[in-house]
C-alpha atoms as a PDB file:
ATOM      1  CA  MET A   1     -60.051  35.791  52.074  1.00  0.00           C
ATOM      2  CA  SER A   2     -60.030  38.823  49.635  1.00  0.00           C
ATOM      3  CA  THR A   3     -60.556  38.430  46.126  1.00  0.00           C
ATOM      4  CA  GLY A   4     -57.032  39.781  45.153  1.00  0.00           C
ATOM      5  CA  ARG A   5     -55.610  37.625  47.713  1.00  0.00           C
ATOM      6  CA  PHE A   6     -57.238  34.617  46.591  1.00  0.00           C
ATOM      7  CA  ASP A   7     -56.191  35.307  42.869  1.00  0.00           C
ATOM      8  CA  TYR A   8     -52.633  35.785  43.891  1.00  0.00           C
ATOM      9  CA  GLU A   9     -52.741  32.420  45.672  1.00  0.00           C
ATOM     10  CA  LEU A  10     -54.371  30.672  42.498  1.00  0.00           C
ATOM     11  CA  ARG A  11     -51.863  32.012  40.206  1.00  0.00           C
ATOM     12  CA  ALA A  12     -49.001  31.147  42.351  1.00  0.00           C
ATOM     13  CA  ASN A  13     -50.223  27.716  43.047  1.00  0.00           C
ATOM     14  CA  ALA A  14     -51.283  27.268  39.374  1.00  0.00           C
ATOM     15  CA  SER A  15     -47.612  28.696  38.577  1.00  0.00           C
ATOM     16  CA  GLY A  16     -46.240  25.812  41.150  1.00  0.00           C
ATOM     17  CA  PHE A  17     -48.381  23.290  39.457  1.00  0.00           C
ATOM     18  CA  THR A  18     -47.413  23.929  36.053  1.00  0.00           C
ATOM     19  CA  SER A  19     -43.766  24.003  36.834  1.00  0.00           C
ATOM     20  CA  GLU A  20     -44.265  20.444  38.505  1.00  0.00           C
ATOM     21  CA  VAL A  21     -45.963  19.317  35.298  1.00  0.00           C
ATOM     22  CA  GLN A  22     -43.171  20.591  33.551  1.00  0.00           C
ATOM     23  CA  LYS A  23     -40.637  18.776  35.607  1.00  0.00           C
ATOM     24  CA  ALA A  24     -42.744  15.534  35.108  1.00  0.00           C
ATOM     25  CA  GLU A  25     -42.847  16.031  31.266  1.00  0.00           C
ATOM     26  CA  ARG A  26     -39.175  16.748  31.226  1.00  0.00           C
ATOM     27  CA  SER A  27     -38.788  13.381  33.651  1.00  0.00           C
ATOM     28  CA  VAL A  28     -40.801  11.282  31.143  1.00  0.00           C
ATOM     29  CA  GLN A  29     -38.788  12.549  28.127  1.00  0.00           C
ATOM     30  CA  GLN A  30     -35.662  11.743  29.759  1.00  0.00           C
ATOM     31  CA  LEU A  31     -36.770   8.274  30.517  1.00  0.00           C
ATOM     32  CA  ASP A  32     -37.923   7.900  27.019  1.00  0.00           C
ATOM     33  CA  LYS A  33     -34.510   8.892  25.730  1.00  0.00           C
ATOM     34  CA  ALA A  34     -32.810   6.636  28.211  1.00  0.00           C
ATOM     35  CA  GLN A  35     -35.204   3.896  27.060  1.00  0.00           C
ATOM     36  CA  LYS A  36     -34.646   4.746  23.328  1.00  0.00           C
ATOM     37  CA  GLY A  37     -30.902   4.668  23.994  1.00  0.00           C
ATOM     38  CA  ALA A  38     -30.868   1.334  25.725  1.00  0.00           C
ATOM     39  CA  THR A  39     -32.985  -0.019  22.630  1.00  0.00           C
ATOM     40  CA  ASP A  40     -30.452   1.391  20.171  1.00  0.00           C
ATOM     41  CA  SER A  41     -27.638  -0.011  22.222  1.00  0.00           C
ATOM     42  CA  SER A  42     -29.362  -3.401  22.441  1.00  0.00           C
ATOM     43  CA  GLU A  43     -29.857  -3.000  18.667  1.00  0.00           C
ATOM     44  CA  LYS A  44     -26.281  -1.933  17.893  1.00  0.00           C
ATOM     45  CA  TRP A  45     -25.063  -4.891  20.083  1.00  0.00           C
ATOM     46  CA  ASN A  46     -27.347  -7.126  18.158  1.00  0.00           C
ATOM     47  CA  LYS A  47     -26.123  -5.956  14.718  1.00  0.00           C
ATOM     48  CA  ALA A  48     -22.727  -6.274  15.835  1.00  0.00           C
ATOM     49  CA  ALA A  49     -23.105  -9.623  17.115  1.00  0.00           C
ATOM     50  CA  THR A  50     -24.573 -10.819  14.020  1.00  0.00           C
ATOM     51  CA  ALA A  51     -21.917  -9.228  11.833  1.00  0.00           C
ATOM     52  CA  THR A  52     -19.327 -10.884  13.981  1.00  0.00           C
ATOM     53  CA  ALA A  53     -20.884 -14.230  13.927  1.00  0.00           C
ATOM     54  CA  ALA A  54     -21.261 -13.904   9.982  1.00  0.00           C
ATOM     55  CA  GLY A  55     -17.775 -12.718   9.972  1.00  0.00           C
ATOM     56  CA  ILE A  56     -16.614 -16.090  11.628  1.00  0.00           C
ATOM     57  CA  THR A  57     -18.790 -18.229   9.744  1.00  0.00           C
ATOM     58  CA  ALA A  58     -17.159 -16.572   6.519  1.00  0.00           C
ATOM     59  CA  VAL A  59     -13.563 -17.240   8.012  1.00  0.00           C
ATOM     60  CA  ALA A  60     -14.494 -20.874   8.493  1.00  0.00           C
ATOM     61  CA  ALA A  61     -15.887 -21.511   5.448  1.00  0.00           C
ATOM     62  CA  ALA A  62     -12.922 -19.962   3.637  1.00  0.00           C
ATOM     63  CA  GLY A  63     -10.550 -22.065   5.628  1.00  0.00           C
ATOM     64  CA  ALA A  64     -12.721 -25.173   5.048  1.00  0.00           C
ATOM     65  CA  LEU A  65     -12.726 -24.417   1.275  1.00  0.00           C
ATOM     66  CA  ALA A  66      -8.805 -23.950   1.030  1.00  0.00           C
ATOM     67  CA  LEU A  67      -8.332 -27.043   3.368  1.00  0.00           C
ATOM     68  CA  ARG A  68     -10.321 -29.451   1.164  1.00  0.00           C
ATOM     69  CA  LYS A  69      -8.431 -27.706  -2.076  1.00  0.00           C
ATOM     70  CA  VAL A  70      -5.055 -28.631  -0.561  1.00  0.00           C
ATOM     71  CA  VAL A  71      -6.251 -32.313   0.104  1.00  0.00           C
ATOM     72  CA  GLN A  72      -7.747 -32.408  -3.350  1.00  0.00           C
ATOM     73  CA  GLU A  73      -4.389 -31.138  -4.957  1.00  0.00           C
ATOM     74  CA  THR A  74      -2.260 -33.184  -2.726  1.00  0.00           C
ATOM     75  CA  SER A  75      -4.500 -36.132  -3.821  1.00  0.00           C
ATOM     76  CA  ALA A  76      -4.081 -35.412  -7.462  1.00  0.00           C
ATOM     77  CA  ALA A  77      -0.426 -34.995  -7.205  1.00  0.00           C
ATOM     78  CA  ASP A  78      -0.054 -38.589  -5.352  1.00  0.00           C
ATOM     79  CA  ASP A  79      -2.439 -40.074  -8.146  1.00  0.00           C
ATOM     80  CA  ALA A  80      -0.033 -38.934 -10.796  1.00  0.00           C
ATOM     81  CA  MET A  81       2.982 -39.629  -9.413  1.00  0.00           C
ATOM     82  CA  ALA A  82       1.617 -43.042  -8.591  1.00  0.00           C
ATOM     83  CA  GLY A  83       0.548 -43.571 -12.182  1.00  0.00           C
ATOM     84  CA  LEU A  84       3.999 -42.537 -13.481  1.00  0.00           C
ATOM     85  CA  ASN A  85       5.813 -44.738 -11.422  1.00  0.00           C
ATOM     86  CA  ALA A  86       3.624 -47.528 -12.327  1.00  0.00           C
ATOM     87  CA  VAL A  87       4.482 -47.172 -16.013  1.00  0.00           C
ATOM     88  CA  LEU A  88       8.123 -46.595 -15.563  1.00  0.00           C
ATOM     89  CA  LYS A  89       8.186 -49.830 -13.551  1.00  0.00           C
ATOM     90  CA  SER A  90       6.067 -51.626 -16.168  1.00  0.00           C
ATOM     91  CA  THR A  91       8.204 -50.581 -19.014  1.00  0.00           C
ATOM     92  CA  GLY A  92      11.350 -51.388 -17.134  1.00  0.00           C
ATOM     93  CA  GLY A  93      12.487 -47.674 -17.135  1.00  0.00           C
ATOM     94  CA  VAL A  94      13.218 -47.773 -20.866  1.00  0.00           C
ATOM     95  CA  SER A  95      12.832 -44.040 -21.434  1.00  0.00           C
ATOM     96  CA  GLY A  96      16.019 -43.455 -19.446  1.00  0.00           C
ATOM     97  CA  LYS A  97      13.955 -41.006 -16.940  1.00  0.00           C
ATOM     98  CA  THR A  98      13.060 -41.127 -13.268  1.00  0.00           C
ATOM     99  CA  ALA A  99       9.964 -40.188 -11.747  1.00  0.00           C
ATOM    100  CA  GLU A 100      11.904 -37.521  -9.874  1.00  0.00           C
ATOM    101  CA  GLU A 101      13.354 -36.131 -13.212  1.00  0.00           C
ATOM    102  CA  LEU A 102      10.257 -36.033 -14.781  1.00  0.00           C
ATOM    103  CA  SER A 103       8.488 -34.172 -11.878  1.00  0.00           C
ATOM    104  CA  ARG A 104      11.240 -31.579 -11.860  1.00  0.00           C
ATOM    105  CA  THR A 105      10.421 -31.352 -15.607  1.00  0.00           C
ATOM    106  CA  ALA A 106       7.030 -30.954 -15.266  1.00  0.00           C
ATOM    107  CA  SER A 107       7.411 -28.382 -12.424  1.00  0.00           C
ATOM    108  CA  SER A 108       9.715 -26.277 -14.386  1.00  0.00           C
ATOM    109  CA  LEU A 109       7.183 -26.365 -17.435  1.00  0.00           C
ATOM    110  CA  GLN A 110       4.296 -25.253 -15.063  1.00  0.00           C
ATOM    111  CA  LYS A 111       5.929 -21.981 -14.279  1.00  0.00           C
ATOM    112  CA  ILE A 112       6.053 -21.130 -18.007  1.00  0.00           C
ATOM    113  CA  THR A 113       2.738 -22.398 -19.471  1.00  0.00           C
ATOM    114  CA  THR A 114      -0.621 -22.332 -18.660  1.00  0.00           C
ATOM    115  CA  TYR A 115      -0.660 -25.987 -17.776  1.00  0.00           C
ATOM    116  CA  GLY A 116      -0.318 -27.595 -14.271  1.00  0.00           C
ATOM    117  CA  ASP A 117       2.135 -29.928 -13.250  1.00  0.00           C
ATOM    118  CA  GLU A 118      -0.357 -32.827 -12.559  1.00  0.00           C
ATOM    119  CA  ALA A 119      -1.563 -32.715 -16.106  1.00  0.00           C
ATOM    120  CA  ILE A 120       2.153 -32.334 -17.340  1.00  0.00           C
ATOM    121  CA  ILE A 121       2.987 -35.777 -15.448  1.00  0.00           C
ATOM    122  CA  GLY A 122      -0.295 -37.367 -17.016  1.00  0.00           C
ATOM    123  CA  ALA A 123       1.015 -36.621 -20.473  1.00  0.00           C
ATOM    124  CA  GLN A 124       4.462 -37.762 -19.291  1.00  0.00           C
ATOM    125  CA  THR A 125       2.921 -41.047 -18.382  1.00  0.00           C
ATOM    126  CA  LEU A 126       1.337 -41.508 -21.665  1.00  0.00           C
ATOM    127  CA  ILE A 127       4.592 -40.793 -23.235  1.00  0.00           C
ATOM    128  CA  ALA A 128       6.265 -43.142 -21.156  1.00  0.00           C
ATOM    129  CA  THR A 129       4.196 -46.135 -22.577  1.00  0.00           C
ATOM    130  CA  PHE A 130       5.873 -45.851 -26.017  1.00  0.00           C
ATOM    131  CA  LYS A 131       9.066 -47.805 -25.306  1.00  0.00           C
ATOM    132  CA  ASN A 132      11.028 -45.855 -28.257  1.00  0.00           C
ATOM    133  CA  VAL A 133      10.848 -42.399 -26.877  1.00  0.00           C
ATOM    134  CA  ARG A 134      13.706 -42.247 -24.744  1.00  0.00           C
ATOM    135  CA  GLY A 135      16.357 -39.842 -23.408  1.00  0.00           C
ATOM    136  CA  ASP A 136      16.606 -36.341 -24.597  1.00  0.00           C
ATOM    137  CA  THR A 137      13.769 -37.102 -27.269  1.00  0.00           C
ATOM    138  CA  PHE A 138      11.263 -37.812 -24.193  1.00  0.00           C
ATOM    139  CA  ASP A 139      11.787 -33.970 -22.949  1.00  0.00           C
ATOM    140  CA  ARG A 140      11.490 -32.496 -26.411  1.00  0.00           C
ATOM    141  CA  THR A 141       8.548 -34.568 -26.906  1.00  0.00           C
ATOM    142  CA  THR A 142       6.911 -33.450 -23.559  1.00  0.00           C
ATOM    143  CA  ARG A 143       7.495 -29.808 -24.694  1.00  0.00           C
ATOM    144  CA  ALA A 144       6.003 -30.652 -28.214  1.00  0.00           C
ATOM    145  CA  VAL A 145       3.079 -31.962 -26.989  1.00  0.00           C
ATOM    146  CA  LEU A 146       2.519 -28.702 -24.599  1.00  0.00           C
ATOM    147  CA  ASP A 147       3.080 -26.590 -27.819  1.00  0.00           C
ATOM    148  CA  LEU A 148       0.745 -28.832 -30.100  1.00  0.00           C
ATOM    149  CA  SER A 149      -1.950 -28.866 -27.555  1.00  0.00           C
ATOM    150  CA  THR A 150      -1.888 -25.084 -27.323  1.00  0.00           C
ATOM    151  CA  VAL A 151      -2.051 -24.213 -30.872  1.00  0.00           C
ATOM    152  CA  MET A 152      -4.630 -27.150 -31.711  1.00  0.00           C
ATOM    153  CA  LYS A 153      -6.930 -26.485 -28.768  1.00  0.00           C
ATOM    154  CA  GLN A 154      -6.478 -30.102 -27.367  1.00  0.00           C
ATOM    155  CA  ASP A 155      -6.158 -31.778 -24.010  1.00  0.00           C
ATOM    156  CA  LEU A 156      -2.500 -32.719 -23.431  1.00  0.00           C
ATOM    157  CA  ASN A 157      -3.199 -36.374 -23.335  1.00  0.00           C
ATOM    158  CA  SER A 158      -4.731 -36.343 -26.783  1.00  0.00           C
ATOM    159  CA  SER A 159      -1.609 -34.705 -27.892  1.00  0.00           C
ATOM    160  CA  ALA A 160       0.723 -37.270 -26.062  1.00  0.00           C
ATOM    161  CA  LEU A 161      -0.962 -40.187 -27.844  1.00  0.00           C
ATOM    162  CA  GLN A 162      -0.658 -38.503 -30.970  1.00  0.00           C
ATOM    163  CA  LEU A 163       2.878 -37.817 -30.714  1.00  0.00           C
ATOM    164  CA  GLY A 164       3.715 -41.012 -29.074  1.00  0.00           C
ATOM    165  CA  LYS A 165       1.971 -43.057 -31.706  1.00  0.00           C
ATOM    166  CA  ALA A 166       3.775 -40.785 -34.431  1.00  0.00           C
ATOM    167  CA  LEU A 167       7.327 -41.560 -32.910  1.00  0.00           C
ATOM    168  CA  GLU A 168       6.836 -44.834 -32.053  1.00  0.00           C
ATOM    169  CA  ASN A 169       5.982 -45.761 -35.886  1.00  0.00           C
ATOM    170  CA  PRO A 170       7.246 -42.623 -37.814  1.00  0.00           C
ATOM    171  CA  ILE A 171       5.925 -44.066 -41.246  1.00  0.00           C
ATOM    172  CA  LYS A 172       2.298 -44.199 -40.059  1.00  0.00           C
ATOM    173  CA  GLY A 173       2.597 -41.448 -37.609  1.00  0.00           C
ATOM    174  CA  VAL A 174       3.712 -38.787 -39.952  1.00  0.00           C
ATOM    175  CA  ASN A 175       0.660 -39.369 -42.181  1.00  0.00           C
ATOM    176  CA  ALA A 176      -1.809 -39.414 -39.135  1.00  0.00           C
ATOM    177  CA  LEU A 177      -0.208 -35.997 -37.993  1.00  0.00           C
ATOM    178  CA  THR A 178      -0.548 -34.419 -41.478  1.00  0.00           C
ATOM    179  CA  ARG A 179      -4.435 -35.366 -41.218  1.00  0.00           C
ATOM    180  CA  SER A 180      -4.323 -33.476 -38.085  1.00  0.00           C
ATOM    181  CA  GLY A 181      -2.962 -30.180 -39.232  1.00  0.00           C
ATOM    182  CA  VAL A 182       0.945 -30.558 -39.010  1.00  0.00           C
ATOM    183  CA  SER A 183       2.721 -30.076 -42.241  1.00  0.00           C
ATOM    184  CA  PHE A 184       5.182 -32.333 -43.550  1.00  0.00           C
ATOM    185  CA  SER A 185       6.434 -31.997 -47.399  1.00  0.00           C
ATOM    186  CA  GLU A 186       6.440 -35.122 -49.545  1.00  0.00           C
ATOM    187  CA  ALA A 187      10.412 -34.888 -49.359  1.00  0.00           C
ATOM    188  CA  GLN A 188      10.177 -34.868 -45.589  1.00  0.00           C
ATOM    189  CA  LYS A 189       8.125 -37.746 -45.650  1.00  0.00           C
ATOM    190  CA  ASP A 190      10.361 -39.837 -48.026  1.00  0.00           C
ATOM    191  CA  VAL A 191      13.258 -39.060 -45.706  1.00  0.00           C
ATOM    192  CA  ILE A 192      11.432 -40.153 -42.477  1.00  0.00           C
ATOM    193  CA  LYS A 193      10.096 -43.244 -44.353  1.00  0.00           C
ATOM    194  CA  GLY A 194      13.689 -44.266 -45.322  1.00  0.00           C
ATOM    195  CA  LEU A 195      15.064 -43.882 -41.870  1.00  0.00           C
ATOM    196  CA  ALA A 196      12.529 -45.693 -40.441  1.00  0.00           C
ATOM    197  CA  GLU A 197      12.707 -48.468 -42.818  1.00  0.00           C
ATOM    198  CA  THR A 198      16.562 -48.902 -42.306  1.00  0.00           C
ATOM    199  CA  GLY A 199      16.256 -49.002 -38.492  1.00  0.00           C
ATOM    200  CA  ARG A 200      17.267 -45.413 -38.079  1.00  0.00           C
ATOM    201  CA  LEU A 201      14.525 -44.750 -35.956  1.00  0.00           C
ATOM    202  CA  ALA A 202      15.948 -41.868 -33.763  1.00  0.00           C
ATOM    203  CA  GLU A 203      16.845 -39.943 -36.709  1.00  0.00           C
ATOM    204  CA  ALA A 204      13.336 -40.140 -37.825  1.00  0.00           C
ATOM    205  CA  GLN A 205      12.203 -38.941 -34.652  1.00  0.00           C
ATOM    206  CA  THR A 206      14.433 -36.296 -34.712  1.00  0.00           C
ATOM    207  CA  LEU A 207      12.960 -34.892 -38.020  1.00  0.00           C
ATOM    208  CA  ILE A 208       9.751 -35.137 -36.985  1.00  0.00           C
ATOM    209  CA  LEU A 209      10.170 -33.310 -33.683  1.00  0.00           C
ATOM    210  CA  ALA A 210      12.254 -30.788 -35.662  1.00  0.00           C
ATOM    211  CA  GLU A 211       9.479 -29.922 -37.905  1.00  0.00           C
ATOM    212  CA  LEU A 212       6.744 -29.734 -35.163  1.00  0.00           C
ATOM    213  CA  GLU A 213       9.327 -27.358 -33.194  1.00  0.00           C
ATOM    214  CA  THR A 214       9.476 -25.007 -36.217  1.00  0.00           C
ATOM    215  CA  GLN A 215       5.611 -25.117 -36.667  1.00  0.00           C
ATOM    216  CA  PHE A 216       4.505 -24.752 -33.028  1.00  0.00           C
ATOM    217  CA  GLY A 217       7.703 -24.396 -30.832  1.00  0.00           C
ATOM    218  CA  GLY A 218       7.471 -21.880 -28.036  1.00  0.00           C
ATOM    219  CA  SER A 219       3.510 -21.770 -28.352  1.00  0.00           C
ATOM    220  CA  ALA A 220       2.718 -23.076 -24.704  1.00  0.00           C
ATOM    221  CA  GLU A 221       5.186 -20.429 -23.306  1.00  0.00           C
ATOM    222  CA  ALA A 222       3.789 -17.691 -25.583  1.00  0.00           C
ATOM    223  CA  ALA A 223       0.147 -18.356 -24.130  1.00  0.00           C
ATOM    224  CA  ARG A 224       1.232 -18.041 -20.638  1.00  0.00           C
ATOM    225  CA  ASN A 225       2.690 -14.426 -21.452  1.00  0.00           C
ATOM    226  CA  THR A 226      -0.364 -13.407 -23.090  1.00  0.00           C
ATOM    227  CA  MET A 227      -2.674 -13.980 -20.218  1.00  0.00           C
ATOM    228  CA  GLY A 228      -1.862 -10.842 -18.107  1.00  0.00           C
END
């Protein structure tokens, strides 16, 4: 074989070999891409599966919390009504109010104040233990309790006991309210004392509540309107 022919064939073979090598390299690259794509897809699937599982867990947890809250609120409402019914029964219903009426009042006050109906029913239950607080005076007292609590920054039960005692025994009660920050003039105290001593308890209660309404009336509702 001549040198020229050998060189030609060598170059041809080398060219063919290079071409095959390049093909092999491209195949390897394609295989790498395919493997990488499979890995990426697997990772994406795993991430998606993890995110889905986390979402399902979060929804389940939120549902459980919501259910627990409903159960707790229902239980609290049942307890509040049970306590109210017990007091109304033990006092012989002298307040002139039924549990259903007081519950409706609590619901209506809940809508316009910052206090929940269970808390209001709790206050009503304490007011009902004072047998001389009756009829319309009972409803006015309930509203006064909410207003007094709002202004004095105290809980409803404390205000209910405070006002209940004042209305049950106006002479001592007015002095106690004065010490707590409710203002009564000496003339008002004398009139209230005179009414109580002559058996005109309802009139004495009316004067006490009127003064409370003058000083604190509408405070609970105003607090609701300023909460955005």
